[in-house]
Protein backbone atom coordinates (compact mmCIF):
# COMPACT_ATOMS: atom_id res chain seq x y z
CA MET A 1 27.69 171.88 137.88
CA ASN A 2 25.42 170.33 135.22
CA LYS A 3 22.73 167.66 135.69
CA LYS A 4 24.85 164.82 134.32
CA THR A 5 27.70 165.61 136.69
CA LYS A 6 25.30 165.76 139.64
CA LEU A 7 23.86 162.34 138.81
CA ARG A 8 27.32 160.80 138.43
CA ILE A 9 28.32 162.20 141.81
CA ALA A 10 25.13 160.89 143.42
CA LEU A 11 25.61 157.41 141.93
CA ALA A 12 29.26 157.35 142.94
CA SER A 13 28.35 158.46 146.44
CA ALA A 14 25.65 155.80 146.70
CA THR A 15 28.10 153.10 145.61
CA LEU A 16 30.72 154.25 148.12
CA VAL A 17 28.19 154.30 150.95
CA VAL A 18 27.11 150.74 150.18
CA ALA A 19 30.71 149.57 149.95
CA ALA A 20 31.45 151.09 153.34
CA ALA A 21 28.54 149.37 155.06
CA THR A 22 29.56 146.54 157.36
CA GLY A 23 26.41 144.49 156.79
CA THR A 24 25.72 144.18 160.51
CA ALA A 25 23.38 147.06 161.34
CA LEU A 26 22.25 148.87 158.22
CA ALA A 27 19.09 150.43 159.64
CA SER A 28 18.93 153.06 162.35
CA GLY A 29 15.99 154.44 164.30
CA GLY A 30 14.79 157.98 164.11
CA SER A 31 15.96 158.71 167.66
CA SER A 32 18.45 157.42 170.20
CA SER A 33 18.94 157.64 173.94
CA GLY A 34 22.02 157.67 176.07
CA SER A 35 22.97 154.98 178.59
CA ASP A 36 24.06 155.22 182.21
CA SER A 37 27.22 153.13 182.25
CA GLY A 38 27.25 150.66 185.08
CA SER A 39 23.64 151.28 186.08
CA GLU A 40 22.73 147.62 185.48
CA ARG A 41 24.76 144.62 186.60
CA PRO A 42 24.96 141.37 184.59
CA GLY A 43 22.10 139.06 185.44
CA THR A 44 19.61 141.78 186.41
CA ALA A 45 16.09 141.71 184.99
CA GLN A 46 16.87 144.65 182.70
CA ASN A 47 19.89 142.90 181.21
CA VAL A 48 17.91 139.70 180.72
CA ARG A 49 15.27 141.67 178.82
CA ASP A 50 17.97 143.38 176.76
CA ASP A 51 19.54 140.01 175.90
CA GLN A 52 16.15 138.62 174.88
CA ASP A 53 15.48 141.66 172.67
CA LYS A 54 18.85 141.20 170.96
CA GLN A 55 18.16 137.50 170.35
CA GLN A 56 14.70 138.24 168.94
CA ALA A 57 15.74 141.21 166.81
CA PRO A 58 15.23 140.50 163.10
CA ALA A 59 18.40 140.04 161.11
CA VAL A 60 19.54 141.70 157.92
CA VAL A 61 18.98 139.33 154.99
CA LYS A 62 21.92 139.24 152.58
CA ALA A 63 20.45 137.71 149.42
CA ASP A 64 22.76 135.83 147.07
CA GLY A 65 21.00 136.76 143.81
CA ALA A 66 23.80 138.26 141.74
CA ASN A 67 22.74 140.82 139.12
CA LEU A 68 19.01 140.52 139.81
CA PHE A 69 18.63 144.21 140.71
CA PRO A 70 15.17 143.99 142.31
CA HIS A 71 13.15 147.18 142.72
CA SER A 72 10.14 145.83 144.62
CA LEU A 73 9.20 142.95 146.88
CA ASP A 74 6.36 141.31 148.78
CA PHE A 75 6.24 138.76 151.60
CA ASP A 76 4.28 135.50 151.70
CA ALA A 77 3.72 134.44 155.31
CA PRO A 78 2.67 130.79 154.72
CA SER A 79 5.91 130.03 152.86
CA ASN A 80 7.96 132.47 154.98
CA SER A 81 9.47 133.82 151.77
CA PHE A 82 10.00 137.17 150.12
CA TYR A 83 9.22 137.54 146.41
CA VAL A 84 11.33 139.94 144.35
CA GLY A 85 11.29 140.98 140.71
CA SER A 86 14.41 141.36 138.60
CA LEU A 87 14.92 144.49 136.51
CA LYS A 88 17.83 142.78 134.76
CA HIS A 89 16.43 139.33 133.91
CA GLY A 90 12.65 139.88 133.97
CA THR A 91 12.22 137.03 136.44
CA VAL A 92 10.57 136.77 139.86
CA SER A 93 12.45 134.93 142.60
CA THR A 94 11.73 133.76 146.12
CA VAL A 95 14.11 134.75 148.90
CA GLY A 96 14.32 132.81 152.15
CA THR A 97 15.28 134.39 155.44
CA ASP A 98 18.61 132.61 154.93
CA GLY A 99 19.24 134.71 151.81
CA LYS A 100 18.86 131.83 149.37
CA VAL A 101 17.36 132.96 146.06
CA ARG A 102 15.36 130.67 143.75
CA THR A 103 13.83 131.58 140.39
CA PHE A 104 10.04 131.20 140.56
CA ILE A 105 8.70 132.95 137.43
CA ASP A 106 10.58 133.09 134.13
CA ASP A 107 8.13 134.37 131.52
CA PRO A 108 9.59 135.54 128.18
CA GLN A 109 6.87 138.21 128.04
CA LEU A 110 8.37 139.98 131.06
CA VAL A 111 11.17 142.36 130.07
CA SER A 112 11.83 143.74 133.55
CA ALA A 113 9.78 142.70 136.57
CA GLN A 114 9.19 145.73 138.77
CA ALA A 115 6.17 145.65 141.10
CA VAL A 116 5.44 142.34 142.84
CA ASN A 117 2.16 141.83 144.70
CA ILE A 118 1.08 138.55 146.28
CA ASP A 119 -2.69 138.00 146.21
CA ARG A 120 -2.93 134.86 148.33
CA GLU A 121 -6.73 134.95 148.47
CA ARG A 122 -6.76 134.23 144.74
CA GLY A 123 -3.56 132.19 144.66
CA ARG A 124 -1.67 134.51 142.35
CA VAL A 125 1.28 136.86 142.05
CA LEU A 126 0.83 140.12 140.15
CA VAL A 127 3.91 141.51 138.41
CA SER A 128 4.35 144.77 136.50
CA ASN A 129 6.20 144.57 133.20
CA VAL A 130 8.55 147.50 132.41
CA ASP A 131 11.62 148.29 130.32
CA TYR A 132 14.36 150.65 131.50
CA GLY A 133 16.50 149.69 128.51
CA THR A 134 18.94 147.83 130.78
CA ALA A 135 17.46 144.31 130.82
CA ASP A 136 18.49 141.16 128.98
CA ARG A 137 15.24 141.40 126.96
CA SER A 138 15.25 145.18 126.52
CA ARG A 139 14.79 147.09 123.32
CA LYS A 140 17.91 149.14 123.87
CA ASP A 141 16.87 151.73 121.29
CA ALA A 142 13.36 152.23 122.72
CA PRO A 143 13.27 152.16 126.53
CA PHE A 144 10.04 152.71 128.47
CA LYS A 145 7.83 151.45 125.66
CA VAL A 146 6.70 148.37 127.63
CA ALA A 147 3.88 148.68 130.15
CA GLY A 148 1.91 145.74 131.45
CA VAL A 149 0.80 143.54 134.32
CA GLY A 150 0.97 139.76 134.51
CA SER A 151 -0.82 137.30 136.79
CA TYR A 152 0.95 134.09 137.82
CA ASP A 153 -0.10 131.02 139.79
CA LEU A 154 1.26 131.27 143.34
CA GLU A 155 1.97 127.53 143.50
CA THR A 156 3.50 126.88 140.08
CA GLY A 157 4.60 130.27 138.74
CA LYS A 158 2.72 129.64 135.48
CA GLN A 159 1.13 132.58 133.69
CA ASN A 160 -2.61 133.15 134.08
CA TRP A 161 -2.57 136.21 131.83
CA CYS A 162 -0.33 139.11 130.86
CA VAL A 163 -1.96 142.33 129.67
CA ASP A 164 -0.33 145.02 127.52
CA LEU A 165 -1.47 148.37 128.89
CA THR A 166 0.08 150.39 126.06
CA ALA A 167 -2.69 148.97 123.85
CA LEU A 168 -5.13 151.09 125.86
CA THR A 169 -3.24 154.33 125.38
CA LEU A 170 -1.80 154.18 121.86
CA ASP A 171 -0.11 157.49 122.62
CA GLY A 172 3.49 156.64 121.70
CA LYS A 173 4.65 158.02 125.05
CA GLN A 174 7.08 156.51 127.52
CA HIS A 175 5.44 154.39 130.24
CA LEU A 176 6.54 152.75 133.48
CA ILE A 177 4.10 150.70 135.57
CA SER A 178 5.71 151.34 138.93
CA ASP A 179 3.26 149.60 141.26
CA VAL A 180 0.06 147.59 141.52
CA THR A 181 -2.41 147.05 144.35
CA VAL A 182 -5.45 144.78 144.78
CA ALA A 183 -8.92 145.66 146.10
CA PRO A 184 -10.97 143.14 148.14
CA ASP A 185 -13.00 142.17 145.06
CA GLY A 186 -9.83 141.17 143.19
CA THR A 187 -9.64 144.24 140.98
CA ALA A 188 -6.05 145.37 140.46
CA TYR A 189 -5.04 149.00 140.08
CA ALA A 190 -1.74 149.81 138.35
CA VAL A 191 -0.08 153.23 138.28
CA ASP A 192 2.05 154.67 135.47
CA GLU A 193 5.03 156.67 136.71
CA LEU A 194 5.54 158.51 133.41
CA THR A 195 1.96 159.48 132.52
CA PRO A 196 -0.91 160.54 134.83
CA THR A 197 -2.77 157.28 134.21
CA VAL A 198 -4.19 154.66 136.57
CA PHE A 199 -5.31 151.37 135.02
CA ARG A 200 -7.95 148.97 136.33
CA ILE A 201 -7.63 145.22 135.67
CA ASP A 202 -10.31 142.70 136.63
CA PRO A 203 -9.39 139.22 137.97
CA GLU A 204 -9.61 137.74 134.46
CA GLY A 205 -7.10 140.21 133.03
CA ASN A 206 -9.49 142.61 131.30
CA ALA A 207 -7.95 146.07 131.53
CA SER A 208 -9.27 149.61 131.17
CA VAL A 209 -8.18 153.15 131.94
CA PHE A 210 -9.48 153.95 135.42
CA LEU A 211 -8.29 157.55 135.72
CA ARG A 212 -6.34 160.19 133.84
CA ASP A 213 -5.81 163.32 135.90
CA ASP A 214 -3.29 166.16 135.74
CA LEU A 215 -3.09 165.87 139.53
CA LEU A 216 -1.09 162.70 138.88
CA GLN A 217 1.31 164.30 136.40
CA GLY A 218 4.93 163.86 137.41
CA THR A 219 7.13 166.83 138.26
CA LEU A 220 10.38 165.20 139.43
CA ASP A 221 13.36 165.05 137.07
CA ILE A 222 16.15 162.49 137.47
CA PRO A 223 19.08 164.07 135.60
CA ASP A 224 20.31 162.24 132.50
CA PHE A 225 17.70 159.51 133.03
CA LEU A 226 14.01 160.46 133.31
CA ASP A 227 11.91 163.62 133.38
CA ASP A 228 8.47 164.22 134.89
CA VAL A 229 8.55 161.19 137.19
CA GLY A 230 5.19 160.86 138.93
CA MET A 231 3.34 158.00 140.62
CA ALA A 232 5.79 155.78 142.51
CA ALA A 233 3.53 153.55 144.63
CA VAL A 234 -0.11 152.78 145.33
CA GLU A 235 -2.09 151.11 148.12
CA TYR A 236 -5.78 150.25 148.43
CA VAL A 237 -6.92 151.49 151.85
CA ALA A 238 -10.05 151.57 154.01
CA GLY A 239 -12.90 153.65 152.66
CA ASP A 240 -12.68 152.09 149.19
CA GLN A 241 -9.94 154.40 148.01
CA LEU A 242 -6.44 154.41 146.59
CA ILE A 243 -3.54 156.25 148.17
CA ILE A 244 -0.92 157.12 145.58
CA ALA A 245 2.59 158.20 146.52
CA MET A 246 4.09 160.69 144.10
CA ALA A 247 7.84 160.79 143.57
CA ASP A 248 7.88 164.45 144.63
CA GLY A 249 6.82 163.52 148.18
CA SER A 250 3.09 164.23 147.96
CA LEU A 251 0.18 161.79 148.37
CA VAL A 252 -3.04 161.67 146.36
CA ARG A 253 -6.33 160.14 147.55
CA VAL A 254 -8.55 158.59 144.87
CA PRO A 255 -12.08 157.38 145.79
CA VAL A 256 -12.65 154.21 143.78
CA ARG A 257 -16.33 154.95 143.13
CA HIS A 258 -15.68 158.57 142.23
CA PRO A 259 -12.14 158.82 140.86
CA GLU A 260 -12.94 162.26 139.46
CA ASP A 261 -12.87 163.48 143.08
CA ALA A 262 -9.16 162.71 143.48
CA GLN A 263 -7.35 165.21 145.68
CA LYS A 264 -4.02 165.68 147.40
CA VAL A 265 -3.70 164.52 151.00
CA ARG A 266 -2.82 167.40 153.33
CA LEU A 267 0.44 166.25 154.90
CA SER A 268 2.03 167.60 158.07
CA THR A 269 5.25 167.61 156.07
CA PRO A 270 6.00 166.17 152.62
CA LEU A 271 7.64 162.80 152.30
CA ALA A 272 11.30 162.98 151.38
CA SER A 273 11.83 162.96 147.63
CA PRO A 274 12.05 160.83 145.60
CA THR A 275 9.49 158.62 147.28
CA ALA A 276 10.12 155.08 146.05
CA GLY A 277 7.88 152.55 147.82
CA MET A 278 4.99 152.24 150.24
CA ARG A 279 3.39 149.53 152.38
CA LEU A 280 -0.01 149.41 154.11
CA LEU A 281 0.25 148.48 157.80
CA ALA A 282 -2.27 146.49 159.83
CA ASP A 283 -3.61 149.59 161.60
CA GLY A 284 -4.45 151.32 158.32
CA SER A 285 -1.43 153.62 158.29
CA VAL A 286 1.44 153.23 155.83
CA THR A 287 5.21 153.10 155.83
CA ALA A 288 7.00 154.81 152.96
CA VAL A 289 10.62 154.72 151.85
CA SER A 290 12.31 157.62 150.10
CA SER A 291 15.45 156.95 148.09
CA GLY A 292 18.71 158.86 148.34
CA LEU A 293 19.41 158.29 144.64
CA LEU A 294 19.76 162.00 143.89
CA THR A 295 21.65 162.96 147.05
CA GLY A 296 23.76 159.97 148.01
CA LYS A 297 22.34 160.26 151.54
CA PRO A 298 20.75 157.36 153.48
CA ALA A 299 17.23 156.38 152.46
CA GLN A 300 14.48 157.56 154.82
CA ILE A 301 11.77 155.38 156.36
CA GLN A 302 8.62 157.35 157.17
CA HIS A 303 5.38 156.53 158.96
CA VAL A 304 2.24 158.12 157.54
CA ASN A 305 -0.71 158.23 159.94
CA PRO A 306 -4.00 159.25 158.28
CA GLY A 307 -6.78 161.45 159.61
CA GLY A 308 -10.27 162.23 158.36
CA GLY A 309 -10.44 159.27 156.02
CA TRP A 310 -7.08 160.14 154.46
CA LYS A 311 -7.93 163.78 153.85
CA THR A 312 -4.97 164.60 156.08
CA ALA A 313 -1.95 162.66 157.36
CA THR A 314 0.94 163.10 159.77
CA VAL A 315 4.40 162.14 158.51
CA THR A 316 7.11 160.99 160.93
CA VAL A 317 10.62 159.80 160.07
CA THR A 318 11.14 156.49 161.90
CA GLY A 319 14.58 155.52 160.63
CA THR A 320 17.08 155.40 157.80
CA VAL A 321 18.79 152.74 155.70
CA THR A 322 22.47 153.24 154.95
CA ASP A 323 22.14 152.28 151.29
CA PRO A 324 20.78 155.42 149.60
CA VAL A 325 19.12 153.53 146.76
CA THR A 326 16.55 151.67 148.85
CA SER A 327 13.36 151.31 146.84
CA ASP A 328 10.61 149.38 148.64
CA VAL A 329 9.26 148.14 151.97
CA THR A 330 7.19 145.11 152.95
CA ASP A 331 6.10 143.18 155.98
CA GLY A 332 8.24 140.22 157.03
CA PRO A 333 8.24 137.27 159.43
CA GLY A 334 6.29 137.92 162.61
CA ARG A 335 5.55 141.62 162.94
CA THR A 336 8.65 142.89 161.16
CA THR A 337 9.01 145.26 158.24
CA TYR A 338 11.87 145.05 155.74
CA ALA A 339 13.30 147.54 153.25
CA LEU A 340 14.84 146.47 149.94
CA SER A 341 18.18 147.74 148.66
CA GLY A 342 18.47 146.20 145.21
CA GLY A 343 21.67 147.72 143.83
CA LEU A 344 19.92 150.06 141.42
CA ALA A 345 22.86 152.47 141.40
CA ASP A 346 25.00 149.67 139.94
CA LEU A 347 22.33 148.84 137.35
CA LEU A 348 22.06 152.44 136.15
CA ALA A 349 25.86 152.71 136.07
CA GLY A 350 26.16 149.48 134.05
CA LYS A 351 28.01 147.64 136.81
CA PRO A 352 27.49 144.04 138.04
CA ASN A 353 26.72 143.24 141.67
CA ASP A 354 26.75 140.15 143.86
CA GLY A 355 23.32 140.36 145.49
CA PHE A 356 20.94 142.59 147.38
CA THR A 357 19.92 143.36 150.95
CA LEU A 358 16.72 143.24 152.99
CA THR A 359 17.01 145.41 156.09
CA PRO A 360 14.61 145.36 159.07
CA VAL A 361 13.24 148.84 159.75
CA LYS A 362 11.08 150.58 162.34
CA THR A 363 7.59 151.62 161.29
CA GLY A 364 6.53 153.71 164.28
């Protein structure tokens, strides 16, 4: 069986799995326990607690944004809204917990909006600019030649600046800015999934190459689509360092003051591959999601608990999401965490869709 056939089978399997989902309970925990039928009578304290838990359980958000195909998202607590980027239209939209979608940013400079990061302290939204060759504004004959980050006012959606990172490389290579994170001083760090390059951007939009390191070179191939896929996600963590999730399931620790000392994190077990998204939790650990794009199997949610200042980490699977092509995680209302299933299998197959799904998941 050749690579093209395998990818078609995986995409077809992913589409069938999504079509079969009922939309009621799309996420499952990493473990389950049996019940003793009849052990509790209606009205007992246990049943009251169970009823309260059911009422308080976060609901799946079925978003009505047809053909947006978001890859990443972030949550803004004051407005109680999710922000998602569109790979198809190059826009950024807000999503309420009721699933209503409203366009917030529509900048002609954005070809496809991938990473979305809300920096409320500075009243801005950071968005990575990419081009898969499938967007309304794409150069169909030259995909992956766009690489940038834009800053937008969090109240109005107006552009503060939009920087072209290919101007710093001038290498003629394919680029894909998969994610961006923000340090406490407002410096943004953007990772390139197709070259081993991390960019640094100051709050005014002045960009430079922060790190080029073969340790960040991609090794994962997506048949009939992309080769040497590398950095998928990045988070700024305690200790003034970046944690970078590689698509192959490894993590890399980069000290901000000494990026030349970058090294792999020693994991108890690798993350499932391809790793797609990552979110820093309040306790300093992270949740990561690994897509089932290549297998057609449910996406995996994993908790990564660091040790020794992120020199080591323990990986635990905490749940799955039925849709294989689940690509990002973020915090949500209260103390919830949501995973994004944006319909990327349909986008890559050239098919329309009628929306996307945000699924509550367990983080530990």
